[in-house]
């Protein structure tokens, strides 16, 4: 099955005020994966792959099109041709930009984390109330040059 994959930003202004990126019932702030030749979507005009994480392991209210969530402003994604791993470049807000290995069902952290830094909205909460991002997260400051 050939799938169509699309990444969408959180749809809000600074800080994701609508909390779309962590809300599994909306398409904003997600990586979505559909089957353009299928017909099992709500409107029947496309398919939802049965291997999508929230089809295989449903969560209440989660839309089946979600492949991964917690994106702020995804700019590019690509697959490693040797092993099929997906990588995403996500634009940060205040601190860092990041490149992330994306796995099915992954929470990429936004708006709780920006890279491996807690966002201002979550810094005052106890660490147990914040999801822990997968580490390491390659990230860099927008003012720090990348050296190769």
N, C-alpha and C. Protein backbone atom coordinates (compact mmCIF):
# COMPACT_ATOMS: atom_id res chain seq x y z
N UNK A 1 0.84 -1.17 0.00
CA UNK A 1 0.00 0.00 0.00
C UNK A 1 0.89 1.24 0.00
N UNK A 2 0.63 2.15 -0.91
CA UNK A 2 1.34 3.42 -0.92
C UNK A 2 0.53 4.42 -0.11
N UNK A 3 1.19 5.08 0.83
CA UNK A 3 0.51 6.04 1.69
C UNK A 3 0.98 7.45 1.39
N UNK A 4 0.12 8.41 1.67
CA UNK A 4 0.43 9.82 1.56
C UNK A 4 0.63 10.33 2.97
N UNK A 5 1.76 10.99 3.22
CA UNK A 5 2.09 11.49 4.54
C UNK A 5 2.18 13.00 4.48
N UNK A 6 1.59 13.68 5.47
CA UNK A 6 1.60 15.13 5.52
C UNK A 6 1.82 15.57 6.96
N UNK A 7 2.65 16.58 7.13
CA UNK A 7 2.88 17.17 8.45
C UNK A 7 2.18 18.52 8.50
N UNK A 8 1.52 18.81 9.62
CA UNK A 8 0.80 20.08 9.74
C UNK A 8 1.23 20.80 11.02
N UNK A 9 1.30 22.14 10.96
CA UNK A 9 1.67 22.92 12.15
C UNK A 9 0.51 22.94 13.15
N UNK A 10 0.78 23.51 14.35
CA UNK A 10 -0.21 23.49 15.41
C UNK A 10 -1.41 24.42 15.17
N UNK A 11 -1.30 25.35 14.22
CA UNK A 11 -2.45 26.18 13.86
C UNK A 11 -2.74 27.35 14.78
N UNK A 12 -1.86 27.62 15.73
CA UNK A 12 -2.09 28.74 16.64
C UNK A 12 -0.95 29.73 16.59
N UNK A 13 -1.06 30.73 17.40
CA UNK A 13 0.04 31.68 17.51
C UNK A 13 1.04 31.11 18.52
N UNK A 14 1.92 31.92 19.03
CA UNK A 14 2.97 31.43 19.92
C UNK A 14 2.45 30.61 21.09
N UNK A 15 3.14 29.50 21.36
CA UNK A 15 2.83 28.67 22.51
C UNK A 15 1.68 27.69 22.32
N UNK A 16 1.13 27.59 21.11
CA UNK A 16 0.02 26.67 20.84
C UNK A 16 -1.15 26.93 21.80
N UNK A 17 -1.76 28.14 21.71
CA UNK A 17 -2.80 28.51 22.68
C UNK A 17 -4.03 27.60 22.67
N UNK A 18 -4.26 26.92 21.56
CA UNK A 18 -5.43 26.03 21.48
C UNK A 18 -5.07 24.59 21.88
N UNK A 19 -3.79 24.38 22.17
CA UNK A 19 -3.28 23.07 22.60
C UNK A 19 -3.57 21.97 21.57
N UNK A 20 -3.54 22.34 20.29
CA UNK A 20 -3.78 21.39 19.21
C UNK A 20 -2.75 20.27 19.14
N UNK A 21 -1.47 20.59 19.34
CA UNK A 21 -0.40 19.62 19.12
C UNK A 21 -0.56 18.37 19.99
N UNK A 22 -1.10 18.51 21.19
CA UNK A 22 -1.27 17.38 22.10
C UNK A 22 -2.70 16.81 22.07
N UNK A 23 -3.60 17.43 21.31
CA UNK A 23 -5.00 17.00 21.23
C UNK A 23 -5.16 16.00 20.08
N UNK A 24 -5.42 14.76 20.41
CA UNK A 24 -5.50 13.70 19.40
C UNK A 24 -6.79 13.73 18.59
N UNK A 25 -7.69 14.68 18.88
CA UNK A 25 -8.95 14.75 18.13
C UNK A 25 -8.90 15.75 16.98
N UNK A 26 -7.77 16.45 16.81
CA UNK A 26 -7.63 17.41 15.71
C UNK A 26 -6.38 17.09 14.89
N UNK A 27 -6.37 17.57 13.64
CA UNK A 27 -5.26 17.27 12.72
C UNK A 27 -4.08 18.23 12.86
N UNK A 28 -4.27 19.37 13.52
CA UNK A 28 -3.18 20.34 13.66
C UNK A 28 -2.09 19.80 14.57
N UNK A 29 -0.82 20.10 14.21
CA UNK A 29 0.31 19.70 15.04
C UNK A 29 0.61 18.21 14.95
N UNK A 30 0.29 17.63 13.80
CA UNK A 30 0.42 16.17 13.64
C UNK A 30 1.14 15.81 12.35
N UNK A 31 1.57 14.57 12.28
CA UNK A 31 1.97 13.94 11.03
C UNK A 31 0.84 12.98 10.72
N UNK A 32 0.22 13.18 9.57
CA UNK A 32 -0.93 12.38 9.17
C UNK A 32 -0.54 11.44 8.05
N UNK A 33 -1.14 10.25 8.04
CA UNK A 33 -0.84 9.28 7.00
C UNK A 33 -2.17 8.68 6.52
N UNK A 34 -2.38 8.77 5.19
CA UNK A 34 -3.61 8.23 4.61
C UNK A 34 -3.28 7.37 3.39
N UNK A 35 -4.27 6.60 2.97
CA UNK A 35 -4.19 5.81 1.75
C UNK A 35 -5.10 6.49 0.73
N UNK A 36 -4.52 7.19 -0.27
CA UNK A 36 -5.36 7.93 -1.22
C UNK A 36 -6.28 7.04 -2.06
N UNK A 37 -5.99 5.75 -2.14
CA UNK A 37 -6.82 4.86 -2.94
C UNK A 37 -7.85 4.10 -2.10
N UNK A 38 -7.81 4.28 -0.79
CA UNK A 38 -8.74 3.58 0.09
C UNK A 38 -10.07 4.32 0.23
N UNK A 39 -10.97 3.73 1.03
CA UNK A 39 -12.31 4.31 1.18
C UNK A 39 -12.86 4.18 2.60
N UNK A 40 -12.02 3.85 3.59
CA UNK A 40 -12.54 3.60 4.92
C UNK A 40 -12.51 4.83 5.84
N UNK A 41 -12.28 6.03 5.29
CA UNK A 41 -12.33 7.24 6.12
C UNK A 41 -13.80 7.59 6.40
N UNK A 42 -13.98 8.56 7.27
CA UNK A 42 -15.35 8.95 7.64
C UNK A 42 -16.16 9.37 6.41
N UNK A 43 -15.55 10.08 5.46
CA UNK A 43 -16.28 10.52 4.27
C UNK A 43 -16.13 9.56 3.09
N UNK A 44 -15.33 8.53 3.23
CA UNK A 44 -15.17 7.53 2.18
C UNK A 44 -14.32 7.95 1.00
N UNK A 45 -13.67 9.12 1.07
CA UNK A 45 -12.90 9.63 -0.07
C UNK A 45 -11.43 9.26 -0.03
N UNK A 46 -10.98 8.64 1.03
CA UNK A 46 -9.61 8.15 1.16
C UNK A 46 -9.62 7.05 2.22
N UNK A 47 -8.51 6.38 2.35
CA UNK A 47 -8.42 5.31 3.35
C UNK A 47 -7.52 5.68 4.50
N UNK A 48 -7.70 5.00 5.60
CA UNK A 48 -6.83 5.15 6.77
C UNK A 48 -6.10 3.82 6.92
N UNK A 49 -4.78 3.82 6.76
CA UNK A 49 -4.03 2.56 6.85
C UNK A 49 -4.27 1.84 8.17
N UNK A 50 -4.53 0.54 8.13
CA UNK A 50 -4.75 -0.21 9.37
C UNK A 50 -3.51 -0.26 10.26
N UNK A 51 -2.34 0.05 9.70
CA UNK A 51 -1.11 0.05 10.49
C UNK A 51 -0.87 1.39 11.20
N UNK A 52 -1.71 2.42 10.96
CA UNK A 52 -1.56 3.67 11.70
C UNK A 52 -1.72 3.38 13.20
N UNK A 53 -0.93 4.05 14.03
CA UNK A 53 -0.89 3.70 15.45
C UNK A 53 -2.22 3.80 16.19
N UNK A 54 -3.07 4.79 15.86
CA UNK A 54 -4.32 4.94 16.60
C UNK A 54 -5.47 4.17 15.96
N UNK A 55 -5.16 3.42 14.91
CA UNK A 55 -6.09 2.43 14.37
C UNK A 55 -5.77 1.09 15.03
N UNK A 56 -4.46 0.77 15.09
CA UNK A 56 -4.02 -0.48 15.72
C UNK A 56 -4.29 -0.48 17.23
N UNK A 57 -4.05 0.65 17.88
CA UNK A 57 -4.23 0.79 19.34
C UNK A 57 -5.04 2.05 19.61
N UNK A 58 -6.36 1.98 19.45
CA UNK A 58 -7.19 3.18 19.57
C UNK A 58 -7.11 3.84 20.93
N UNK A 59 -7.19 5.17 20.91
CA UNK A 59 -7.32 5.96 22.13
C UNK A 59 -8.63 6.73 21.98
N UNK A 60 -9.37 6.93 23.06
CA UNK A 60 -10.64 7.65 22.94
C UNK A 60 -10.47 9.02 22.30
N UNK A 61 -11.26 9.29 21.27
CA UNK A 61 -11.25 10.58 20.59
C UNK A 61 -10.16 10.77 19.56
N UNK A 62 -9.18 9.88 19.48
CA UNK A 62 -8.05 10.04 18.54
C UNK A 62 -8.51 9.75 17.12
N UNK A 63 -8.09 10.61 16.19
CA UNK A 63 -8.40 10.35 14.78
C UNK A 63 -7.39 9.36 14.22
N UNK A 64 -7.88 8.45 13.41
CA UNK A 64 -7.05 7.37 12.89
C UNK A 64 -5.97 7.80 11.94
N UNK A 65 -6.10 8.99 11.35
CA UNK A 65 -5.12 9.47 10.38
C UNK A 65 -3.79 9.83 11.00
N UNK A 66 -3.74 9.96 12.33
CA UNK A 66 -2.51 10.39 13.01
C UNK A 66 -1.45 9.29 12.97
N UNK A 67 -0.26 9.69 12.51
CA UNK A 67 0.91 8.81 12.55
C UNK A 67 1.79 9.18 13.75
N UNK A 68 1.94 10.49 14.01
CA UNK A 68 2.68 11.01 15.17
C UNK A 68 2.11 12.38 15.50
N UNK A 69 2.35 12.85 16.72
CA UNK A 69 1.77 14.13 17.13
C UNK A 69 2.76 14.92 17.97
N UNK A 70 2.37 16.15 18.33
CA UNK A 70 3.26 17.00 19.11
C UNK A 70 4.21 17.82 18.27
N UNK A 71 3.79 18.22 17.06
CA UNK A 71 4.62 19.05 16.17
C UNK A 71 4.28 20.52 16.37
N UNK A 72 5.26 21.39 16.28
CA UNK A 72 5.01 22.83 16.32
C UNK A 72 4.85 23.37 14.90
N UNK A 73 5.92 23.29 14.13
CA UNK A 73 5.91 23.84 12.77
C UNK A 73 6.81 22.97 11.90
N UNK A 74 6.35 21.77 11.57
CA UNK A 74 7.19 20.87 10.79
C UNK A 74 7.50 21.44 9.41
N UNK A 75 8.76 21.42 9.04
CA UNK A 75 9.17 21.99 7.77
C UNK A 75 9.48 20.95 6.71
N UNK A 76 10.14 19.89 7.09
CA UNK A 76 10.52 18.83 6.15
C UNK A 76 10.56 17.51 6.86
N UNK A 77 10.28 16.48 6.09
CA UNK A 77 10.52 15.15 6.61
C UNK A 77 11.01 14.29 5.46
N UNK A 78 11.71 13.24 5.82
CA UNK A 78 12.28 12.36 4.81
C UNK A 78 12.50 10.99 5.44
N UNK A 79 12.67 10.00 4.58
CA UNK A 79 12.93 8.65 5.03
C UNK A 79 14.35 8.25 4.65
N UNK A 80 15.01 7.55 5.55
CA UNK A 80 16.33 7.00 5.26
C UNK A 80 16.13 5.85 4.28
N UNK A 81 16.73 5.93 3.09
CA UNK A 81 16.50 4.90 2.08
C UNK A 81 17.06 3.52 2.47
N UNK A 82 17.99 3.50 3.40
CA UNK A 82 18.57 2.20 3.79
C UNK A 82 17.72 1.44 4.80
N UNK A 83 17.10 2.16 5.75
CA UNK A 83 16.37 1.45 6.79
C UNK A 83 14.91 1.89 6.94
N UNK A 84 14.48 2.91 6.19
CA UNK A 84 13.09 3.36 6.24
C UNK A 84 12.75 4.27 7.41
N UNK A 85 13.74 4.63 8.26
CA UNK A 85 13.45 5.54 9.36
C UNK A 85 13.00 6.90 8.84
N UNK A 86 12.02 7.48 9.51
CA UNK A 86 11.52 8.81 9.15
C UNK A 86 12.16 9.85 10.07
N UNK A 87 12.61 10.97 9.49
CA UNK A 87 13.17 12.08 10.24
C UNK A 87 12.38 13.34 9.91
N UNK A 88 12.17 14.18 10.92
CA UNK A 88 11.39 15.40 10.77
C UNK A 88 12.19 16.59 11.27
N UNK A 89 12.20 17.67 10.50
CA UNK A 89 12.75 18.95 10.95
C UNK A 89 11.57 19.79 11.43
N UNK A 90 11.62 20.21 12.69
CA UNK A 90 10.53 20.98 13.30
C UNK A 90 11.11 22.30 13.80
N UNK A 91 10.49 23.40 13.39
CA UNK A 91 10.95 24.74 13.75
C UNK A 91 10.54 25.05 15.18
N UNK A 92 11.50 25.47 15.99
CA UNK A 92 11.21 25.82 17.38
C UNK A 92 10.58 27.20 17.49
N UNK A 93 10.21 27.55 18.71
CA UNK A 93 9.60 28.86 18.94
C UNK A 93 10.59 29.84 19.56
N UNK A 94 11.20 29.48 20.68
CA UNK A 94 12.08 30.41 21.40
C UNK A 94 13.51 29.92 21.52
N UNK A 95 13.69 28.62 21.66
CA UNK A 95 14.99 28.11 22.09
C UNK A 95 15.72 27.35 20.99
N UNK A 96 15.10 26.34 20.40
CA UNK A 96 15.82 25.44 19.51
C UNK A 96 14.99 25.04 18.29
N UNK A 97 15.70 24.59 17.29
CA UNK A 97 15.10 23.86 16.16
C UNK A 97 15.50 22.41 16.42
N UNK A 98 14.78 21.47 15.83
CA UNK A 98 15.16 20.08 16.10
C UNK A 98 14.93 19.19 14.90
N UNK A 99 15.70 18.13 14.87
CA UNK A 99 15.52 17.04 13.92
C UNK A 99 15.20 15.82 14.76
N UNK A 100 14.10 15.15 14.43
CA UNK A 100 13.61 14.07 15.26
C UNK A 100 13.42 12.80 14.46
N UNK A 101 13.80 11.70 15.03
CA UNK A 101 13.45 10.38 14.50
C UNK A 101 11.99 10.16 14.87
N UNK A 102 11.15 9.90 13.87
CA UNK A 102 9.72 9.75 14.10
C UNK A 102 9.36 8.27 14.05
N UNK A 103 8.73 7.81 15.10
CA UNK A 103 8.24 6.43 15.15
C UNK A 103 6.71 6.47 15.21
N UNK A 104 6.04 5.42 14.79
CA UNK A 104 4.57 5.42 14.81
C UNK A 104 4.02 5.68 16.21
N UNK A 105 3.10 6.65 16.29
CA UNK A 105 2.47 6.98 17.57
C UNK A 105 3.29 7.88 18.47
N UNK A 106 4.45 8.33 17.99
CA UNK A 106 5.35 9.15 18.82
C UNK A 106 4.70 10.48 19.20
N UNK A 107 4.95 10.90 20.45
CA UNK A 107 4.63 12.25 20.89
C UNK A 107 5.92 13.03 20.78
N UNK A 108 5.99 13.97 19.83
CA UNK A 108 7.22 14.72 19.58
C UNK A 108 7.40 15.89 20.56
N UNK A 109 6.46 16.05 21.49
CA UNK A 109 6.70 16.92 22.63
C UNK A 109 6.04 18.29 22.67
N UNK A 110 5.83 18.92 21.52
CA UNK A 110 5.30 20.29 21.55
C UNK A 110 3.87 20.25 22.05
N UNK A 111 3.42 21.05 22.88
CA UNK A 111 3.87 22.29 23.47
C UNK A 111 4.32 22.14 24.91
N UNK A 112 4.63 20.91 25.28
CA UNK A 112 5.17 20.67 26.62
C UNK A 112 6.69 20.86 26.60
N UNK A 113 7.30 20.42 25.51
CA UNK A 113 8.75 20.51 25.33
C UNK A 113 9.07 21.23 24.03
N UNK A 114 10.15 21.98 24.04
CA UNK A 114 10.72 22.53 22.81
C UNK A 114 12.12 21.92 22.74
N UNK A 115 12.27 20.92 21.87
CA UNK A 115 13.49 20.13 21.89
C UNK A 115 13.54 19.39 23.22
N UNK A 116 14.61 19.55 23.98
CA UNK A 116 14.70 18.91 25.29
C UNK A 116 14.53 19.92 26.42
N UNK A 117 13.93 21.09 26.13
CA UNK A 117 13.69 22.13 27.12
C UNK A 117 12.19 22.23 27.40
N UNK A 118 11.83 22.33 28.67
CA UNK A 118 10.42 22.54 29.03
C UNK A 118 10.00 23.91 28.52
N UNK A 119 8.79 24.02 27.99
CA UNK A 119 8.29 25.31 27.51
C UNK A 119 7.92 26.18 28.70
N UNK A 120 7.85 27.51 28.52
CA UNK A 120 7.51 28.39 29.64
C UNK A 120 6.20 28.01 30.33
N UNK A 121 5.22 27.55 29.56
CA UNK A 121 3.93 27.19 30.14
C UNK A 121 4.02 25.98 31.06
N UNK A 122 5.05 25.13 30.89
CA UNK A 122 5.13 23.92 31.70
C UNK A 122 6.27 23.93 32.70
N UNK A 123 7.14 24.95 32.66
CA UNK A 123 8.29 24.97 33.58
C UNK A 123 7.86 25.00 35.04
N UNK A 124 6.73 25.66 35.34
CA UNK A 124 6.30 25.79 36.73
C UNK A 124 5.61 24.53 37.24
N UNK A 125 5.27 23.59 36.35
CA UNK A 125 4.61 22.36 36.78
C UNK A 125 5.64 21.36 37.27
N UNK A 126 5.23 20.49 38.18
CA UNK A 126 6.18 19.46 38.63
C UNK A 126 6.60 18.56 37.47
N UNK A 127 7.81 18.07 37.52
CA UNK A 127 8.34 17.23 36.43
C UNK A 127 7.45 16.03 36.17
N UNK A 128 6.78 15.52 37.18
CA UNK A 128 5.92 14.36 36.98
C UNK A 128 4.69 14.69 36.15
N UNK A 129 4.34 15.98 36.03
CA UNK A 129 3.17 16.39 35.24
C UNK A 129 3.53 16.61 33.77
N UNK A 130 4.81 16.56 33.44
CA UNK A 130 5.25 16.78 32.07
C UNK A 130 5.65 15.45 31.45
N UNK A 131 5.23 15.26 30.22
CA UNK A 131 5.69 14.06 29.50
C UNK A 131 7.20 14.18 29.32
N UNK A 132 7.90 13.11 29.44
CA UNK A 132 9.35 13.12 29.27
C UNK A 132 9.67 12.89 27.80
N UNK A 133 10.41 13.80 27.16
CA UNK A 133 10.71 13.60 25.75
C UNK A 133 11.71 12.46 25.56
N UNK A 134 11.62 11.79 24.41
CA UNK A 134 12.63 10.77 24.14
C UNK A 134 13.99 11.44 23.97
N UNK A 135 15.00 10.89 24.56
CA UNK A 135 16.33 11.50 24.48
C UNK A 135 17.28 10.56 23.77
N UNK A 136 18.31 11.01 23.13
CA UNK A 136 18.62 12.43 22.95
C UNK A 136 17.81 13.04 21.82
N UNK A 137 17.57 14.33 21.92
CA UNK A 137 16.91 15.08 20.87
C UNK A 137 17.95 16.01 20.28
N UNK A 138 18.41 15.76 19.05
CA UNK A 138 19.36 16.68 18.45
C UNK A 138 18.68 18.04 18.25
N UNK A 139 19.21 19.06 18.86
CA UNK A 139 18.62 20.39 18.72
C UNK A 139 19.74 21.42 18.78
N UNK A 140 19.43 22.60 18.30
CA UNK A 140 20.43 23.65 18.31
C UNK A 140 19.76 24.99 18.43
N UNK A 141 20.47 25.92 19.03
CA UNK A 141 19.98 27.29 19.17
C UNK A 141 20.00 27.97 17.81
N UNK A 142 19.05 28.86 17.60
CA UNK A 142 19.02 29.58 16.34
C UNK A 142 20.17 30.57 16.22
N UNK A 143 20.88 30.83 17.32
CA UNK A 143 22.02 31.75 17.25
C UNK A 143 23.36 31.01 17.28
N UNK A 144 23.32 29.71 17.48
CA UNK A 144 24.56 28.92 17.52
C UNK A 144 24.81 28.32 16.14
N UNK A 145 25.93 28.63 15.53
CA UNK A 145 26.20 28.04 14.22
C UNK A 145 26.44 26.54 14.32
N UNK A 146 26.01 25.82 13.33
CA UNK A 146 26.25 24.38 13.30
C UNK A 146 27.58 24.16 12.60
N UNK A 147 28.46 23.42 13.25
CA UNK A 147 29.77 23.16 12.68
C UNK A 147 29.84 21.71 12.22
N UNK A 148 30.36 21.49 11.03
CA UNK A 148 30.49 20.14 10.49
C UNK A 148 31.95 19.75 10.42
